[in-house]
Protein backbone atom coordinates (compact mmCIF):
# COMPACT_ATOMS: atom_id res chain seq x y z
CA UNK A 1 -20.15 92.36 -226.71
CA UNK A 2 -21.90 95.91 -226.33
CA UNK A 3 -24.80 96.72 -224.67
CA UNK A 4 -26.43 97.18 -227.71
CA UNK A 5 -26.32 93.34 -229.04
CA UNK A 6 -27.23 92.11 -225.21
CA UNK A 7 -30.21 94.09 -225.69
CA UNK A 8 -31.60 92.87 -229.24
CA UNK A 9 -31.06 89.40 -227.61
CA UNK A 10 -34.31 87.56 -226.44
CA UNK A 11 -34.32 86.55 -222.52
CA UNK A 12 -33.49 83.09 -223.04
CA UNK A 13 -30.45 84.11 -225.39
CA UNK A 14 -29.80 86.20 -222.38
CA UNK A 15 -29.88 83.50 -219.68
CA UNK A 16 -28.23 81.09 -221.67
CA UNK A 17 -25.49 83.96 -222.23
CA UNK A 18 -25.25 84.49 -218.74
CA UNK A 19 -25.14 80.61 -217.75
CA UNK A 20 -22.35 80.61 -220.35
CA UNK A 21 -20.28 83.49 -218.72
CA UNK A 22 -20.60 82.23 -215.29
CA UNK A 23 -19.33 78.62 -216.30
CA UNK A 24 -16.20 80.60 -217.87
CA UNK A 25 -15.57 82.89 -214.69
CA UNK A 26 -16.05 79.80 -212.72
CA UNK A 27 -12.90 78.27 -214.71
CA UNK A 28 -10.94 80.99 -214.21
CA UNK A 29 -11.26 80.90 -211.08
CA UNK A 30 -10.40 77.56 -211.04
CA UNK A 31 -6.78 78.65 -212.77
CA UNK A 32 -6.32 81.24 -210.27
CA UNK A 33 -6.51 79.22 -207.21
CA UNK A 34 -4.44 76.40 -208.94
CA UNK A 35 -1.83 79.10 -210.02
CA UNK A 36 -2.12 78.88 -213.50
CA UNK A 37 -4.19 82.06 -214.46
CA UNK A 38 -2.19 84.42 -216.44
CA UNK A 39 -4.91 86.71 -217.66
CA UNK A 40 -6.37 87.84 -214.44
CA UNK A 41 -8.13 90.82 -215.76
CA UNK A 42 -10.18 88.37 -217.53
CA UNK A 43 -12.32 87.80 -214.39
CA UNK A 44 -13.06 91.65 -213.50
CA UNK A 45 -14.24 91.76 -217.38
CA UNK A 46 -16.61 88.53 -217.42
CA UNK A 47 -18.29 89.98 -213.82
CA UNK A 48 -18.89 93.09 -215.80
CA UNK A 49 -20.18 91.17 -218.88
CA UNK A 50 -22.70 88.98 -216.02
CA UNK A 51 -23.44 92.50 -214.58
CA UNK A 52 -24.63 93.87 -218.06
CA UNK A 53 -26.74 91.13 -219.19
CA UNK A 54 -28.53 90.64 -215.98
CA UNK A 55 -29.15 94.64 -216.64
CA UNK A 56 -30.67 94.21 -219.96
CA UNK A 57 -32.34 90.96 -218.75
CA UNK A 58 -34.32 92.96 -215.54
CA UNK A 59 -34.99 95.59 -218.16
CA UNK A 60 -36.57 93.38 -220.75
CA UNK A 61 -38.27 91.96 -217.48
CA UNK A 62 -40.11 94.64 -216.54
CA UNK A 63 -40.88 96.55 -219.71
CA UNK A 64 -38.33 99.44 -220.05
């Protein structure tokens, strides 16, 4: 998901997407701890997506 797409979302959609992404990250971390995770790079990618979503949400709340 690109930053332009994130900026088009409203705050409710952003909060929903953050929750979904955090759930997915949790599942990947559980797979990693059990030793079944093959694509370890996805954890890093999801963390960056969450940060971008939170940044856009903060921009919207501040009115920028």
